[in-house]
Each structure stands twice: as C-alpha cells, then as structure tokens.
Amino acid sequence: MSETKTLEHNLPIHSDPEIMSGVPVFCGTRVPVQTLFDYLADGCSVPEFLENFPTVSHDQVMQVLEVASSRVIEGVPSR
C-alpha cells in the first residue's frame, strides 16, 4: 500500500509514490503542480492552463498561487 502525503494542510496538492513517481500533483489528478508554474513562466494564462488540464479546478490553482505568493512575500526581508 502506498503512502500518500498531503504537502500542506488545506492545500490541494499531494504526493504519492504510485502517482507520477511521487511528484507533487493537484489532488485527484495526475497533473504536476510544476506544470502550472511552467505554463505561467511561458506566458500562458490561468484559463489557458485550465483549458489544457480540465481535471484541475480553478479553486485548486488559486489556492496554490495564493500560497506561493505568500511564501515569496514572507521570504522578502523588510527594509
């Protein structure tokens, strides 16, 4: 039996060695979270990403982006 890891409480991401070799994916999908960031880095919009990966919900994407944003802001030293 595989061990599924939820990477952060209430974050729609999990890692399971039996799904994509343990790469963090959006819950309920086989879509790696890194794919979202790759799409955005390439200049694609969130709607374009969702169109190409319909198993990922808009809410899931927004939750991931909010957490990523807060982590970046928390990591910026105050002046």
N, C-alpha and C. Protein backbone atom coordinates (compact mmCIF):
# COMPACT_ATOMS: atom_id res chain seq x y z
N MET A 1 0.84 -1.17 0.00
CA MET A 1 0.00 0.00 0.00
C MET A 1 0.89 1.23 0.00
N SER A 2 0.55 2.22 -0.86
CA SER A 2 1.38 3.42 -0.96
C SER A 2 1.02 4.41 0.13
N GLU A 3 1.97 5.28 0.40
CA GLU A 3 1.75 6.32 1.40
C GLU A 3 1.55 7.64 0.67
N THR A 4 0.38 8.21 0.79
CA THR A 4 0.08 9.49 0.18
C THR A 4 0.43 10.58 1.17
N LYS A 5 1.08 11.62 0.69
CA LYS A 5 1.43 12.75 1.54
C LYS A 5 0.68 13.98 1.07
N THR A 6 0.00 14.64 1.99
CA THR A 6 -0.55 15.95 1.70
C THR A 6 0.55 16.92 2.08
N LEU A 7 0.94 17.74 1.14
CA LEU A 7 2.12 18.57 1.36
C LEU A 7 1.87 19.72 2.33
N GLU A 8 0.66 20.20 2.41
CA GLU A 8 0.33 21.24 3.39
C GLU A 8 -1.16 21.15 3.65
N HIS A 9 -1.54 21.28 4.90
CA HIS A 9 -2.95 21.22 5.27
C HIS A 9 -3.76 22.20 4.43
N ASN A 10 -4.87 21.75 3.87
CA ASN A 10 -5.79 22.55 3.06
C ASN A 10 -5.24 22.94 1.70
N LEU A 11 -4.07 22.51 1.33
CA LEU A 11 -3.52 22.80 0.01
C LEU A 11 -3.88 21.63 -0.91
N PRO A 12 -4.39 21.90 -2.10
CA PRO A 12 -4.87 20.82 -2.96
C PRO A 12 -3.75 20.12 -3.73
N ILE A 13 -2.71 19.75 -3.01
CA ILE A 13 -1.55 19.07 -3.61
C ILE A 13 -1.24 17.84 -2.78
N HIS A 14 -0.87 16.76 -3.47
CA HIS A 14 -0.40 15.60 -2.73
C HIS A 14 0.69 14.90 -3.50
N SER A 15 1.37 14.04 -2.80
CA SER A 15 2.46 13.27 -3.38
C SER A 15 2.25 11.81 -3.00
N ASP A 16 2.28 10.95 -4.00
CA ASP A 16 2.08 9.52 -3.80
C ASP A 16 3.08 8.80 -4.70
N PRO A 17 3.90 7.93 -4.16
CA PRO A 17 4.89 7.24 -4.99
C PRO A 17 4.27 6.48 -6.17
N GLU A 18 3.01 6.13 -6.07
CA GLU A 18 2.36 5.39 -7.16
C GLU A 18 1.71 6.30 -8.20
N ILE A 19 1.75 7.61 -7.97
CA ILE A 19 1.21 8.56 -8.93
C ILE A 19 2.35 9.47 -9.37
N MET A 20 2.71 9.39 -10.63
CA MET A 20 3.77 10.21 -11.20
C MET A 20 5.07 10.11 -10.39
N SER A 21 5.36 8.93 -9.88
CA SER A 21 6.59 8.66 -9.12
C SER A 21 6.78 9.58 -7.92
N GLY A 22 5.69 10.05 -7.35
CA GLY A 22 5.77 10.87 -6.15
C GLY A 22 5.91 12.36 -6.40
N VAL A 23 5.88 12.77 -7.66
CA VAL A 23 5.94 14.20 -7.98
C VAL A 23 4.68 14.85 -7.42
N PRO A 24 4.78 16.02 -6.78
CA PRO A 24 3.58 16.69 -6.27
C PRO A 24 2.59 17.02 -7.40
N VAL A 25 1.36 16.58 -7.23
CA VAL A 25 0.31 16.79 -8.22
C VAL A 25 -0.90 17.44 -7.56
N PHE A 26 -1.77 18.02 -8.38
CA PHE A 26 -3.03 18.52 -7.87
C PHE A 26 -3.86 17.32 -7.42
N CYS A 27 -4.49 17.41 -6.25
CA CYS A 27 -5.30 16.32 -5.72
C CYS A 27 -6.33 15.87 -6.73
N GLY A 28 -6.47 14.56 -6.84
CA GLY A 28 -7.46 13.97 -7.73
C GLY A 28 -7.06 13.97 -9.19
N THR A 29 -5.81 14.35 -9.48
CA THR A 29 -5.33 14.38 -10.86
C THR A 29 -3.95 13.74 -10.95
N ARG A 30 -3.45 13.70 -12.16
CA ARG A 30 -2.06 13.30 -12.40
C ARG A 30 -1.28 14.49 -12.96
N VAL A 31 -1.77 15.69 -12.69
CA VAL A 31 -1.16 16.92 -13.23
C VAL A 31 -0.16 17.48 -12.22
N PRO A 32 1.13 17.47 -12.57
CA PRO A 32 2.13 18.02 -11.66
C PRO A 32 1.91 19.51 -11.42
N VAL A 33 2.08 19.94 -10.20
CA VAL A 33 1.95 21.35 -9.86
C VAL A 33 2.98 22.17 -10.64
N GLN A 34 4.14 21.61 -10.85
CA GLN A 34 5.18 22.32 -11.61
C GLN A 34 4.68 22.72 -12.99
N THR A 35 3.77 21.95 -13.57
CA THR A 35 3.24 22.27 -14.89
C THR A 35 2.53 23.62 -14.88
N LEU A 36 1.81 23.94 -13.80
CA LEU A 36 1.17 25.24 -13.69
C LEU A 36 2.22 26.35 -13.76
N PHE A 37 3.28 26.21 -12.97
CA PHE A 37 4.31 27.25 -12.95
C PHE A 37 5.05 27.34 -14.29
N ASP A 38 5.24 26.21 -14.95
CA ASP A 38 5.86 26.21 -16.28
C ASP A 38 4.99 26.97 -17.27
N TYR A 39 3.69 26.72 -17.25
CA TYR A 39 2.75 27.42 -18.14
C TYR A 39 2.82 28.93 -17.89
N LEU A 40 2.75 29.32 -16.63
CA LEU A 40 2.78 30.74 -16.30
C LEU A 40 4.10 31.38 -16.72
N ALA A 41 5.19 30.68 -16.51
CA ALA A 41 6.51 31.20 -16.90
C ALA A 41 6.62 31.38 -18.41
N ASP A 42 5.89 30.55 -19.14
CA ASP A 42 5.90 30.63 -20.60
C ASP A 42 4.94 31.69 -21.13
N GLY A 43 4.27 32.41 -20.22
CA GLY A 43 3.38 33.48 -20.64
C GLY A 43 1.93 33.07 -20.84
N CYS A 44 1.59 31.84 -20.48
CA CYS A 44 0.20 31.39 -20.60
C CYS A 44 -0.61 31.91 -19.42
N SER A 45 -1.90 32.00 -19.62
CA SER A 45 -2.80 32.46 -18.57
C SER A 45 -3.35 31.27 -17.79
N VAL A 46 -3.94 31.56 -16.65
CA VAL A 46 -4.59 30.51 -15.87
C VAL A 46 -5.71 29.86 -16.69
N PRO A 47 -6.57 30.64 -17.38
CA PRO A 47 -7.60 29.99 -18.20
C PRO A 47 -7.02 29.05 -19.27
N GLU A 48 -5.88 29.40 -19.85
CA GLU A 48 -5.24 28.51 -20.83
C GLU A 48 -4.80 27.22 -20.16
N PHE A 49 -4.20 27.34 -18.98
CA PHE A 49 -3.78 26.15 -18.25
C PHE A 49 -5.00 25.26 -17.96
N LEU A 50 -6.06 25.86 -17.45
CA LEU A 50 -7.26 25.09 -17.11
C LEU A 50 -7.90 24.44 -18.33
N GLU A 51 -7.83 25.11 -19.46
CA GLU A 51 -8.37 24.54 -20.69
C GLU A 51 -7.61 23.28 -21.08
N ASN A 52 -6.30 23.31 -20.87
CA ASN A 52 -5.46 22.16 -21.24
C ASN A 52 -5.46 21.06 -20.18
N PHE A 53 -5.85 21.40 -18.95
CA PHE A 53 -5.87 20.42 -17.86
C PHE A 53 -7.21 20.51 -17.13
N PRO A 54 -8.27 20.04 -17.76
CA PRO A 54 -9.62 20.19 -17.20
C PRO A 54 -9.87 19.44 -15.90
N THR A 55 -8.98 18.55 -15.51
CA THR A 55 -9.16 17.85 -14.23
C THR A 55 -8.75 18.71 -13.04
N VAL A 56 -8.05 19.81 -13.32
CA VAL A 56 -7.64 20.74 -12.27
C VAL A 56 -8.70 21.84 -12.19
N SER A 57 -9.13 22.18 -10.98
CA SER A 57 -10.15 23.21 -10.83
C SER A 57 -9.51 24.60 -10.67
N HIS A 58 -10.30 25.59 -10.98
CA HIS A 58 -9.86 26.98 -10.80
C HIS A 58 -9.51 27.22 -9.34
N ASP A 59 -10.32 26.71 -8.42
CA ASP A 59 -10.04 26.88 -6.99
C ASP A 59 -8.70 26.28 -6.59
N GLN A 60 -8.38 25.10 -7.13
CA GLN A 60 -7.10 24.48 -6.82
C GLN A 60 -5.94 25.38 -7.26
N VAL A 61 -6.04 25.92 -8.47
CA VAL A 61 -4.98 26.79 -8.99
C VAL A 61 -4.85 28.03 -8.12
N MET A 62 -5.97 28.64 -7.77
CA MET A 62 -5.92 29.87 -6.97
C MET A 62 -5.32 29.61 -5.59
N GLN A 63 -5.65 28.47 -4.98
CA GLN A 63 -5.07 28.13 -3.68
C GLN A 63 -3.56 27.98 -3.77
N VAL A 64 -3.09 27.30 -4.79
CA VAL A 64 -1.65 27.10 -4.96
C VAL A 64 -0.95 28.43 -5.19
N LEU A 65 -1.52 29.28 -6.03
CA LEU A 65 -0.90 30.57 -6.32
C LEU A 65 -0.90 31.48 -5.09
N GLU A 66 -1.96 31.44 -4.29
CA GLU A 66 -2.01 32.24 -3.07
C GLU A 66 -0.92 31.82 -2.09
N VAL A 67 -0.75 30.51 -1.92
CA VAL A 67 0.29 30.02 -1.01
C VAL A 67 1.67 30.38 -1.54
N ALA A 68 1.88 30.20 -2.83
CA ALA A 68 3.18 30.54 -3.41
C ALA A 68 3.48 32.03 -3.24
N SER A 69 2.48 32.86 -3.47
CA SER A 69 2.65 34.30 -3.31
C SER A 69 2.99 34.67 -1.87
N SER A 70 2.27 34.09 -0.93
CA SER A 70 2.54 34.42 0.48
C SER A 70 3.92 33.94 0.90
N ARG A 71 4.36 32.81 0.37
CA ARG A 71 5.70 32.31 0.71
C ARG A 71 6.78 33.23 0.17
N VAL A 72 6.56 33.77 -1.02
CA VAL A 72 7.54 34.70 -1.59
C VAL A 72 7.58 35.98 -0.77
N ILE A 73 6.40 36.50 -0.43
CA ILE A 73 6.33 37.74 0.35
C ILE A 73 6.95 37.54 1.73
N GLU A 74 6.66 36.40 2.37
CA GLU A 74 7.23 36.12 3.69
C GLU A 74 8.75 36.03 3.63
N GLY A 75 9.28 35.59 2.49
CA GLY A 75 10.71 35.40 2.36
C GLY A 75 11.47 36.67 2.02
N VAL A 76 10.74 37.76 1.71
CA VAL A 76 11.40 39.01 1.35
C VAL A 76 11.76 39.76 2.63
N PRO A 77 13.05 40.09 2.80
CA PRO A 77 13.45 40.80 4.02
C PRO A 77 12.85 42.21 4.03
N SER A 78 12.48 42.68 5.21
CA SER A 78 11.93 44.04 5.34
C SER A 78 13.06 45.05 5.27
N ARG A 79 12.71 46.24 4.81
CA ARG A 79 13.74 47.28 4.65
C ARG A 79 13.62 48.29 5.74
